[in-house]
Protein backbone atom coordinates (compact mmCIF):
# COMPACT_ATOMS: atom_id res chain seq x y z
CA MET A 1 30.61 233.79 143.54
CA ARG A 2 34.16 234.84 144.34
CA ILE A 3 34.07 233.00 147.62
CA GLN A 4 32.89 229.85 145.89
CA ASN A 5 35.62 230.06 143.24
CA SER A 6 38.38 230.56 145.92
CA GLU A 7 36.95 227.62 147.94
CA LEU A 8 37.08 225.52 144.83
CA ARG A 9 40.71 226.50 144.21
CA ILE A 10 41.64 225.61 147.76
CA LYS A 11 39.94 222.15 147.47
CA ASN A 12 41.58 221.48 144.11
CA SER A 13 45.01 222.44 145.41
CA ARG A 14 44.57 220.14 148.44
CA MET A 15 43.58 217.29 146.09
CA LEU A 16 46.57 217.89 143.88
CA ARG A 17 48.96 217.80 146.85
CA HIS A 18 47.47 214.55 148.11
CA SER A 19 47.14 212.76 144.81
CA GLY A 20 50.74 213.02 143.74
CA GLY A 21 51.06 209.21 143.35
CA PHE A 22 52.58 206.36 145.31
CA THR A 23 55.48 206.67 147.68
CA LEU A 24 58.67 204.77 147.05
CA VAL A 25 57.95 202.42 149.97
CA GLU A 26 54.43 201.61 148.63
CA LEU A 27 55.91 200.79 145.22
CA LEU A 28 58.57 198.54 146.74
CA VAL A 29 55.92 196.61 148.74
CA VAL A 30 53.84 196.05 145.55
CA VAL A 31 56.84 194.92 143.58
CA ALA A 32 57.90 192.55 146.38
CA ILE A 33 54.38 190.99 146.49
CA ILE A 34 54.27 190.61 142.70
CA GLY A 35 57.73 188.97 142.82
CA MET A 36 56.62 186.41 145.42
CA LEU A 37 53.48 185.54 143.47
CA ALA A 38 55.50 185.13 140.26
CA GLY A 39 57.94 182.80 142.04
CA LEU A 40 55.02 180.58 143.23
CA VAL A 41 53.50 180.48 139.79
CA VAL A 42 56.89 179.55 138.08
CA ALA A 43 57.44 176.75 140.66
CA ASN A 44 53.99 175.27 139.99
CA VAL A 45 54.30 175.56 136.26
CA GLY A 46 57.64 173.63 136.34
CA SER A 47 56.08 170.79 138.23
CA ALA A 48 53.06 170.73 135.88
CA ARG A 49 55.42 170.57 132.89
CA SER A 50 57.26 167.50 134.26
CA LYS A 51 53.94 165.81 135.02
CA ALA A 52 52.73 166.53 131.50
CA ARG A 53 56.00 165.02 130.08
CA ASP A 54 55.44 161.98 132.20
CA ALA A 55 51.92 161.64 130.87
CA ALA A 56 53.27 161.84 127.33
CA ARG A 57 55.85 159.17 128.18
CA GLN A 58 53.14 156.78 129.43
CA SER A 59 51.04 157.44 126.35
CA ASP A 60 54.05 156.98 124.02
CA LEU A 61 54.99 153.70 125.64
CA ARG A 62 51.40 152.36 125.29
CA THR A 63 51.33 153.46 121.66
CA LEU A 64 54.69 151.65 121.03
CA GLN A 65 53.36 148.53 122.81
CA THR A 66 50.27 148.52 120.63
CA ALA A 67 52.32 148.95 117.46
CA ILE A 68 54.68 146.17 118.48
CA GLU A 69 51.87 143.79 119.33
CA LEU A 70 50.27 144.62 115.93
CA ALA A 71 53.52 143.83 114.12
CA TYR A 72 53.87 140.61 116.07
CA ALA A 73 50.31 139.59 115.31
CA SER A 74 50.67 140.21 111.59
CA THR A 75 54.23 138.90 111.03
CA GLY A 76 54.67 136.38 113.82
CA MET A 77 57.97 138.20 114.81
CA LEU A 78 58.82 141.05 117.04
CA PRO A 79 60.27 144.15 115.33
CA GLY A 80 64.01 143.86 115.28
CA LEU A 81 63.97 140.02 115.45
CA SER A 82 64.63 137.91 112.35
CA PRO A 83 62.89 134.58 111.59
CA ALA A 84 66.09 132.74 112.58
CA GLY A 85 66.01 134.48 115.99
CA GLN A 86 68.81 136.90 115.18
CA GLY A 87 68.55 140.09 117.15
CA ALA A 88 67.52 138.35 120.40
CA GLY A 89 68.72 140.25 123.39
CA THR A 90 69.20 143.51 121.44
CA THR A 91 68.48 146.84 123.07
CA PHE A 92 67.11 149.66 120.92
CA ALA A 93 67.23 153.17 122.38
CA SER A 94 65.57 156.37 121.21
CA ASN A 95 68.55 158.58 121.90
CA VAL A 96 71.08 156.90 119.63
CA ALA A 97 72.98 159.38 117.51
CA ASN A 98 73.02 159.18 113.70
CA ILE A 99 69.81 157.14 113.44
CA ASN A 100 66.57 158.25 111.81
CA PRO A 101 64.21 159.01 114.73
CA ASP A 102 61.44 157.06 113.04
CA GLN A 103 63.62 153.93 112.88
CA TRP A 104 65.00 153.48 116.38
CA ILE A 105 62.58 150.52 116.54
CA PRO A 106 62.96 148.79 113.17
CA ASP A 107 60.00 147.76 111.03
CA LEU A 108 57.25 149.71 112.71
CA VAL A 109 57.06 152.67 110.33
CA PRO A 110 54.88 153.07 108.18
CA ASN A 111 52.81 149.87 108.57
CA TYR A 112 52.02 149.99 112.30
CA VAL A 113 52.56 153.65 113.31
CA SER A 114 53.21 156.84 111.37
CA HIS A 115 56.29 157.64 113.44
CA VAL A 116 58.07 156.11 116.33
CA PRO A 117 57.73 158.50 119.36
CA LEU A 118 60.73 159.86 121.14
CA ASP A 119 61.04 160.79 124.77
CA PRO A 120 59.98 164.48 125.29
CA LYS A 121 63.55 165.24 126.47
CA ASN A 122 65.36 162.38 124.69
CA ASP A 123 68.81 163.12 126.15
CA GLY A 124 71.39 161.15 128.19
CA ALA A 125 69.02 160.63 131.17
CA TYR A 126 65.60 160.51 129.52
CA PHE A 127 64.99 158.15 126.62
CA TYR A 128 62.95 155.15 125.67
CA ARG A 129 64.34 151.62 125.50
CA TYR A 130 63.00 148.55 123.65
CA VAL A 131 64.71 145.31 124.75
CA LEU A 132 64.16 141.96 123.03
CA GLY A 133 64.28 138.76 125.07
CA SER A 134 66.94 136.12 124.50
CA GLY A 135 67.52 132.49 125.39
CA VAL A 136 64.26 130.98 126.61
CA GLN A 137 62.75 134.47 126.58
CA THR A 138 63.06 134.95 122.81
CA GLY A 139 59.73 136.39 121.65
CA ALA A 140 59.37 138.57 124.75
CA TYR A 141 60.22 142.24 124.99
CA PHE A 142 59.97 145.24 127.35
CA LEU A 143 59.66 148.95 126.80
CA GLU A 144 60.89 151.38 129.39
CA GLY A 145 61.13 155.08 130.04
CA ARG A 146 62.38 157.21 132.90
CA LEU A 147 59.86 159.50 134.75
CA GLU A 148 60.61 163.01 136.00
CA ALA A 149 57.97 163.35 138.73
CA SER A 150 58.65 161.41 141.93
CA LEU A 151 56.78 158.14 142.36
CA SER A 152 54.94 158.12 145.63
CA LYS A 153 53.82 154.51 145.14
CA PRO A 154 55.82 152.27 142.74
CA THR A 155 53.76 149.33 141.53
CA LEU A 156 56.81 146.98 141.51
CA THR A 157 58.37 146.27 144.81
CA THR A 158 61.33 144.42 143.23
CA ILE A 159 63.55 146.27 140.74
CA PRO A 160 63.22 144.40 137.45
CA SER A 161 66.23 142.82 135.82
CA ASP A 162 67.78 144.29 132.70
CA ASP A 163 69.05 140.88 131.54
CA PRO A 164 67.03 139.93 128.42
CA ALA A 165 67.43 136.24 129.32
CA SER A 166 65.86 136.67 132.80
CA ILE A 167 62.14 136.19 133.47
CA GLY A 168 62.57 139.05 136.03
CA ALA A 169 63.09 141.57 133.22
CA PHE A 170 59.62 141.02 131.69
CA VAL A 171 57.29 142.69 134.18
CA THR A 172 54.98 145.68 133.77
CA GLY A 173 54.77 148.53 136.20
CA SER A 174 56.58 151.44 137.80
CA TYR A 175 59.67 151.22 140.06
CA LEU A 176 62.34 153.28 141.77
CA LEU A 177 66.04 152.87 140.99
CA LYS A 178 68.52 155.25 142.79
CA GLY A 179 65.77 157.68 143.51
CA ALA A 180 64.53 157.90 139.92
CA GLY A 181 61.16 156.57 138.75
CA PHE A 182 60.85 154.26 135.74
CA LEU A 183 57.89 152.81 133.91
CA ARG A 184 58.12 149.43 132.15
CA PHE A 185 55.70 147.65 129.75
CA SER A 186 56.31 144.06 128.79
CA GLY A 187 54.77 141.80 126.19
CA GLY A 188 55.25 139.02 123.71
CA ALA A 189 55.45 135.30 124.31
CA ILE A 190 56.90 135.32 127.86
CA GLN A 191 57.79 131.79 128.90
């Protein structure tokens, strides 16, 4: 019995000596691996966020287009345009200071949409534009937003005009301008 007890003590003391924990090198290796994995996850999450904001932009612009078309169908005028044609050629932007966010496109709330959407960032670089046609293009409009994710295949080969009197302004599709991607929806009575 004594021999067995002393053998058990020897085994236990050996186990205690060898199970003292991790060495500093082992801990540093584990921390480095976790750091690399965290860096990969953060990079992928950032790209997923910009793609999600771009999807929201596309959805917002389609919602605005539907609301504008509904307003045009019920009143015979585009929002922001008077019966006498006043307001033609006007640009409305979502990032204008000191304006009610629900009113950056006039006459849509509350009859055609509960609120006018804003760009997810809505700052100096990212905002929505609503431009009314002028001259022979009165009755036409375009909506535009800037995208964050790079466009691998723009649908428009020619950069559309920003001139509200030009037929080249009233196109629908995505395009690149100075390396940035843009999405444009057009509608109304384009001549």
